[in-house]
Amino acid sequence: MSERAAKHVRKFLGQRLRALRKQRGLSQERLGDDAGLSGKFIGEVERGEKSISIDSLYRVSVALEIPLRELTDVRADKPSAVPSEDAERIFALVSGRRRSGDIRKAHRVLRAIFAKAS
């Protein structure tokens, strides 16, 4: 594997890890504690600055309660499951403690916006 490919894998894993952590409402520190790692290290992995061992990846997948393959599948032919930055912002807005009626209303608004855009 070329260095360029390795950087791509690190970046993808970091983005994937960040998206999954945020979906679960965990801080880097909390995920690190749950996985027996430091929050600082989790941040470095998310930014693609550090490589992570398979042992640590496994502990992170257990802490996130997902299969390891879901965290690490970086096949080029597989559509990316990493949300865009805009999608992450939208998710952050609605993922806080919200009433189900508010979430349904937001869904209707977004559906209407996207219907007009297509």
C-alpha atoms as a PDB file:
ATOM      1  CA  MET A   1       0.000   0.000   0.000  1.00  0.00           C
ATOM      2  CA  SER A   2       1.358   3.398  -0.950  1.00  0.00           C
ATOM      3  CA  GLU A   3       1.774   6.180   1.601  1.00  0.00           C
ATOM      4  CA  ARG A   4      -0.975   8.082  -0.193  1.00  0.00           C
ATOM      5  CA  ALA A   5      -3.365   5.141   0.148  1.00  0.00           C
ATOM      6  CA  ALA A   6      -2.446   4.761   3.815  1.00  0.00           C
ATOM      7  CA  LYS A   7      -3.237   8.462   4.424  1.00  0.00           C
ATOM      8  CA  HIS A   8      -6.597   7.981   2.694  1.00  0.00           C
ATOM      9  CA  VAL A   9      -7.393   5.031   4.965  1.00  0.00           C
ATOM     10  CA  ARG A  10      -6.370   6.991   8.076  1.00  0.00           C
ATOM     11  CA  LYS A  11      -8.500   9.939   6.986  1.00  0.00           C
ATOM     12  CA  PHE A  12     -11.512   7.742   6.221  1.00  0.00           C
ATOM     13  CA  LEU A  13     -11.219   5.890   9.532  1.00  0.00           C
ATOM     14  CA  GLY A  14     -10.944   9.189  11.374  1.00  0.00           C
ATOM     15  CA  GLN A  15     -14.012  10.644   9.654  1.00  0.00           C
ATOM     16  CA  ARG A  16     -15.948   7.435  10.214  1.00  0.00           C
ATOM     17  CA  LEU A  17     -14.943   7.317  13.877  1.00  0.00           C
ATOM     18  CA  ARG A  18     -15.934  10.974  14.412  1.00  0.00           C
ATOM     19  CA  ALA A  19     -19.329  10.489  12.736  1.00  0.00           C
ATOM     20  CA  LEU A  20     -20.136   7.366  14.772  1.00  0.00           C
ATOM     21  CA  ARG A  21     -18.957   8.975  18.020  1.00  0.00           C
ATOM     22  CA  LYS A  22     -21.099  12.068  17.410  1.00  0.00           C
ATOM     23  CA  GLN A  23     -24.117   9.954  16.448  1.00  0.00           C
ATOM     24  CA  ARG A  24     -23.888   8.391  19.892  1.00  0.00           C
ATOM     25  CA  GLY A  25     -23.463  11.737  21.620  1.00  0.00           C
ATOM     26  CA  LEU A  26     -20.041  10.847  23.032  1.00  0.00           C
ATOM     27  CA  SER A  27     -17.152  13.213  23.613  1.00  0.00           C
ATOM     28  CA  GLN A  28     -13.670  12.154  22.555  1.00  0.00           C
ATOM     29  CA  GLU A  29     -12.803  11.843  26.243  1.00  0.00           C
ATOM     30  CA  ARG A  30     -15.799   9.608  26.991  1.00  0.00           C
ATOM     31  CA  LEU A  31     -15.153   7.333  24.010  1.00  0.00           C
ATOM     32  CA  GLY A  32     -11.502   7.149  25.010  1.00  0.00           C
ATOM     33  CA  ASP A  33     -12.451   6.178  28.569  1.00  0.00           C
ATOM     34  CA  ASP A  34     -14.925   3.552  27.328  1.00  0.00           C
ATOM     35  CA  ALA A  35     -12.285   2.088  24.997  1.00  0.00           C
ATOM     36  CA  GLY A  36      -9.364   2.294  27.440  1.00  0.00           C
ATOM     37  CA  LEU A  37      -7.661   5.021  25.375  1.00  0.00           C
ATOM     38  CA  SER A  38      -7.088   8.726  25.884  1.00  0.00           C
ATOM     39  CA  GLY A  39      -9.469  11.318  24.513  1.00  0.00           C
ATOM     40  CA  LYS A  40      -6.450  13.085  23.024  1.00  0.00           C
ATOM     41  CA  PHE A  41      -5.557   9.951  21.060  1.00  0.00           C
ATOM     42  CA  ILE A  42      -9.158   9.590  19.814  1.00  0.00           C
ATOM     43  CA  GLY A  43      -8.935  13.186  18.519  1.00  0.00           C
ATOM     44  CA  GLU A  44      -5.628  12.493  16.777  1.00  0.00           C
ATOM     45  CA  VAL A  45      -7.097   9.409  15.093  1.00  0.00           C
ATOM     46  CA  GLU A  46     -10.209  11.350  14.041  1.00  0.00           C
ATOM     47  CA  ARG A  47      -8.011  14.013  12.411  1.00  0.00           C
ATOM     48  CA  GLY A  48      -5.975  11.338  10.610  1.00  0.00           C
ATOM     49  CA  GLU A  49      -2.831  12.330  12.497  1.00  0.00           C
ATOM     50  CA  LYS A  50      -2.247   8.953  14.177  1.00  0.00           C
ATOM     51  CA  SER A  51      -2.591   5.365  13.102  1.00  0.00           C
ATOM     52  CA  ILE A  52      -4.574   3.075  15.355  1.00  0.00           C
ATOM     53  CA  SER A  53      -3.779  -0.561  16.090  1.00  0.00           C
ATOM     54  CA  ILE A  54      -6.247  -3.345  15.402  1.00  0.00           C
ATOM     55  CA  ASP A  55      -6.479  -3.981  19.152  1.00  0.00           C
ATOM     56  CA  SER A  56      -7.465  -0.358  19.787  1.00  0.00           C
ATOM     57  CA  LEU A  57      -9.874  -0.383  16.823  1.00  0.00           C
ATOM     58  CA  TYR A  58     -11.557  -3.422  18.330  1.00  0.00           C
ATOM     59  CA  ARG A  59     -11.895  -1.708  21.728  1.00  0.00           C
ATOM     60  CA  VAL A  60     -13.365   1.378  20.013  1.00  0.00           C
ATOM     61  CA  SER A  61     -15.869  -0.758  18.078  1.00  0.00           C
ATOM     62  CA  VAL A  62     -16.935  -2.438  21.342  1.00  0.00           C
ATOM     63  CA  ALA A  63     -17.294   0.965  23.020  1.00  0.00           C
ATOM     64  CA  LEU A  64     -19.399   2.186  20.072  1.00  0.00           C
ATOM     65  CA  GLU A  65     -21.362  -1.084  20.098  1.00  0.00           C
ATOM     66  CA  ILE A  66     -20.800  -1.764  16.395  1.00  0.00           C
ATOM     67  CA  PRO A  67     -19.109  -4.600  14.511  1.00  0.00           C
ATOM     68  CA  LEU A  68     -15.456  -3.892  13.756  1.00  0.00           C
ATOM     69  CA  ARG A  69     -16.118  -4.310  10.015  1.00  0.00           C
ATOM     70  CA  GLU A  70     -18.631  -1.440  10.104  1.00  0.00           C
ATOM     71  CA  LEU A  71     -15.962   0.871  11.452  1.00  0.00           C
ATOM     72  CA  THR A  72     -13.203  -0.231   9.089  1.00  0.00           C
ATOM     73  CA  ASP A  73     -14.775  -1.003   5.687  1.00  0.00           C
ATOM     74  CA  VAL A  74     -12.958   1.361   3.300  1.00  0.00           C
ATOM     75  CA  ARG A  75     -13.576  -0.411  -0.020  1.00  0.00           C
ATOM     76  CA  ALA A  76     -13.483   1.989  -2.923  1.00  0.00           C
ATOM     77  CA  ASP A  77     -16.567   0.378  -4.501  1.00  0.00           C
ATOM     78  CA  LYS A  78     -18.657   0.884  -1.360  1.00  0.00           C
ATOM     79  CA  PRO A  79     -20.501   4.192  -1.117  1.00  0.00           C
ATOM     80  CA  SER A  80     -19.072   6.256   1.705  1.00  0.00           C
ATOM     81  CA  ALA A  81     -21.078   6.047   4.894  1.00  0.00           C
ATOM     82  CA  VAL A  82     -19.327   9.098   6.277  1.00  0.00           C
ATOM     83  CA  PRO A  83     -21.751  12.016   6.305  1.00  0.00           C
ATOM     84  CA  SER A  84     -20.755  15.378   4.908  1.00  0.00           C
ATOM     85  CA  GLU A  85     -19.953  18.227   7.263  1.00  0.00           C
ATOM     86  CA  ASP A  86     -23.366  19.764   6.507  1.00  0.00           C
ATOM     87  CA  ALA A  87     -25.104  16.473   7.287  1.00  0.00           C
ATOM     88  CA  GLU A  88     -23.218  16.295  10.586  1.00  0.00           C
ATOM     89  CA  ARG A  89     -24.381  19.823  11.460  1.00  0.00           C
ATOM     90  CA  ILE A  90     -27.995  18.944  10.683  1.00  0.00           C
ATOM     91  CA  PHE A  91     -27.702  15.770  12.735  1.00  0.00           C
ATOM     92  CA  ALA A  92     -26.210  17.711  15.649  1.00  0.00           C
ATOM     93  CA  LEU A  93     -29.151  20.126  15.571  1.00  0.00           C
ATOM     94  CA  VAL A  94     -31.759  17.390  15.790  1.00  0.00           C
ATOM     95  CA  SER A  95     -29.876  14.813  17.848  1.00  0.00           C
ATOM     96  CA  GLY A  96     -30.101  16.711  21.106  1.00  0.00           C
ATOM     97  CA  ARG A  97     -33.005  16.044  23.401  1.00  0.00           C
ATOM     98  CA  ARG A  98     -35.937  16.906  21.181  1.00  0.00           C
ATOM     99  CA  ARG A  99     -39.575  15.992  21.321  1.00  0.00           C
ATOM    100  CA  SER A 100     -40.623  13.511  18.655  1.00  0.00           C
ATOM    101  CA  GLY A 101     -43.115  16.061  17.280  1.00  0.00           C
ATOM    102  CA  ASP A 102     -40.280  18.542  16.718  1.00  0.00           C
ATOM    103  CA  ILE A 103     -38.230  15.907  14.904  1.00  0.00           C
ATOM    104  CA  ARG A 104     -41.191  15.005  12.664  1.00  0.00           C
ATOM    105  CA  LYS A 105     -41.708  18.707  11.880  1.00  0.00           C
ATOM    106  CA  ALA A 106     -38.006  19.130  10.990  1.00  0.00           C
ATOM    107  CA  HIS A 107     -38.208  16.033   8.784  1.00  0.00           C
ATOM    108  CA  ARG A 108     -41.204  17.463   6.896  1.00  0.00           C
ATOM    109  CA  VAL A 109     -39.400  20.785   6.379  1.00  0.00           C
ATOM    110  CA  LEU A 110     -36.238  19.099   5.114  1.00  0.00           C
ATOM    111  CA  ARG A 111     -38.222  16.795   2.828  1.00  0.00           C
ATOM    112  CA  ALA A 112     -40.009  19.840   1.353  1.00  0.00           C
ATOM    113  CA  ILE A 113     -36.724  21.686   0.842  1.00  0.00           C
ATOM    114  CA  PHE A 114     -35.125  18.729  -0.926  1.00  0.00           C
ATOM    115  CA  ALA A 115     -38.213  18.077  -3.051  1.00  0.00           C
ATOM    116  CA  LYS A 116     -37.992  21.655  -4.375  1.00  0.00           C
ATOM    117  CA  ALA A 117     -34.265  21.248  -5.100  1.00  0.00           C
ATOM    118  CA  SER A 118     -34.716  18.172  -7.293  1.00  0.00           C
END
